[in-house]
Amino acid sequence: MSASEQTSPARPRVFISYSHDSPAHCDLVLHLAQQLRRDGINAELDQFHQEELKHWPRWCEEQLRPENFDFVLSVCTPDTSGVSRAGLQRMWAKEFSGKGP
């Protein structure tokens, strides 16, 4: 087997976007991200960067760029599912069309 065949495949890159409804919900999302990492998925979450985050909305926009991640996982509660879905749709529309809402 050659050296190139021995390299492991790239780990999927997943950005986790979630509602910050309660500390308990945030904790559950953190545990999900940690489990995904243990399972070999490159999961990214704002909670992993609390010390360095200066401008959270800008950081999220940068993370949502298609070249940064393979997938976006949106974790919502029943109260926020429509709001988060609409927000993601606006952001993707802006990214791909070059036009904002």
Protein backbone atom coordinates (compact mmCIF):
# COMPACT_ATOMS: atom_id res chain seq x y z
CA MET A 1 0.00 0.00 0.00
CA SER A 2 1.43 3.38 -1.00
CA ALA A 3 1.74 6.34 1.36
CA SER A 4 -1.13 8.14 -0.36
CA GLU A 5 -3.38 5.10 0.13
CA GLN A 6 -2.53 4.97 3.82
CA THR A 7 -3.73 8.49 4.53
CA SER A 8 -7.08 8.56 6.20
CA PRO A 9 -9.99 10.21 4.44
CA ALA A 10 -10.78 13.79 5.41
CA ARG A 11 -13.05 14.04 8.39
CA PRO A 12 -16.40 15.66 7.61
CA ARG A 13 -16.50 19.29 8.73
CA VAL A 14 -19.72 20.26 10.52
CA PHE A 15 -20.63 23.68 11.86
CA ILE A 16 -23.25 23.54 14.61
CA SER A 17 -25.65 26.45 14.73
CA TYR A 18 -28.04 26.40 17.67
CA SER A 19 -30.50 28.45 19.64
CA HIS A 20 -29.24 29.81 22.94
CA ASP A 21 -32.59 29.36 24.67
CA SER A 22 -31.32 28.09 27.99
CA PRO A 23 -28.12 26.94 29.69
CA ALA A 24 -29.46 23.38 29.63
CA HIS A 25 -29.99 23.51 25.86
CA CYS A 26 -26.49 24.96 25.34
CA ASP A 27 -25.04 22.15 27.47
CA LEU A 28 -26.83 19.51 25.39
CA VAL A 29 -25.45 21.02 22.19
CA LEU A 30 -21.94 21.05 23.68
CA HIS A 31 -22.27 17.37 24.58
CA LEU A 32 -23.49 16.61 21.04
CA ALA A 33 -20.48 18.40 19.53
CA GLN A 34 -18.08 16.58 21.84
CA GLN A 35 -19.62 13.23 20.89
CA LEU A 36 -19.39 14.05 17.19
CA ARG A 37 -15.70 14.82 17.67
CA ARG A 38 -15.17 11.53 19.48
CA ASP A 39 -16.85 9.82 16.53
CA GLY A 40 -14.38 11.35 14.07
CA ILE A 41 -16.37 14.32 12.83
CA ASN A 42 -14.72 17.73 12.82
CA ALA A 43 -17.55 19.50 14.68
CA GLU A 44 -17.22 23.25 15.27
CA LEU A 45 -19.13 25.16 17.91
CA ASP A 46 -18.88 28.64 19.39
CA GLN A 47 -18.48 27.13 22.85
CA PHE A 48 -15.06 25.80 21.81
CA HIS A 49 -13.90 29.40 21.21
CA GLN A 50 -15.26 31.45 24.10
CA GLU A 51 -11.89 33.02 24.90
CA GLU A 52 -11.23 34.23 21.35
CA LEU A 53 -14.73 35.23 20.20
CA LYS A 54 -14.92 39.01 19.97
CA HIS A 55 -17.74 39.49 17.47
CA TRP A 56 -20.03 36.48 17.55
CA PRO A 57 -22.27 37.37 14.54
CA ARG A 58 -19.24 37.93 12.29
CA TRP A 59 -17.67 34.68 13.48
CA CYS A 60 -20.89 32.79 12.66
CA GLU A 61 -21.09 34.32 9.19
CA GLU A 62 -17.50 33.27 8.51
CA GLN A 63 -18.20 29.74 9.71
CA LEU A 64 -21.23 29.45 7.41
CA ARG A 65 -19.23 30.04 4.25
CA PRO A 66 -19.44 26.92 2.07
CA GLU A 67 -15.66 26.59 1.81
CA ASN A 68 -15.31 26.30 5.61
CA PHE A 69 -17.66 23.39 6.26
CA ASP A 70 -19.21 20.42 4.52
CA PHE A 71 -22.40 20.54 6.57
CA VAL A 72 -24.31 22.88 8.86
CA LEU A 73 -26.26 21.28 11.66
CA SER A 74 -28.98 23.52 13.07
CA VAL A 75 -30.14 22.56 16.57
CA CYS A 76 -33.32 24.33 17.59
CA THR A 77 -36.01 24.14 20.18
CA PRO A 78 -39.68 24.13 19.11
CA ASP A 79 -39.89 27.85 19.91
CA THR A 80 -37.02 28.82 17.61
CA SER A 81 -37.10 26.33 14.74
CA GLY A 82 -38.84 28.71 12.30
CA VAL A 83 -36.68 31.68 13.23
CA SER A 84 -33.42 29.78 12.86
CA ARG A 85 -34.46 28.19 9.58
CA ALA A 86 -35.42 31.59 8.17
CA GLY A 87 -32.13 33.11 9.34
CA LEU A 88 -30.08 30.36 7.72
CA GLN A 89 -32.05 30.66 4.49
CA ARG A 90 -31.38 34.41 4.35
CA MET A 91 -27.69 33.90 5.02
CA TRP A 92 -27.33 31.21 2.34
CA ALA A 93 -29.31 33.30 -0.15
CA LYS A 94 -27.00 36.24 0.49
CA GLU A 95 -23.89 34.06 0.13
CA PHE A 96 -24.93 32.42 -3.14
CA SER A 97 -26.69 35.33 -4.83
CA GLY A 98 -24.51 38.16 -3.54
CA LYS A 99 -27.65 39.93 -2.40
CA GLY A 100 -28.86 40.44 1.11
CA PRO A 101 -32.45 40.26 2.33
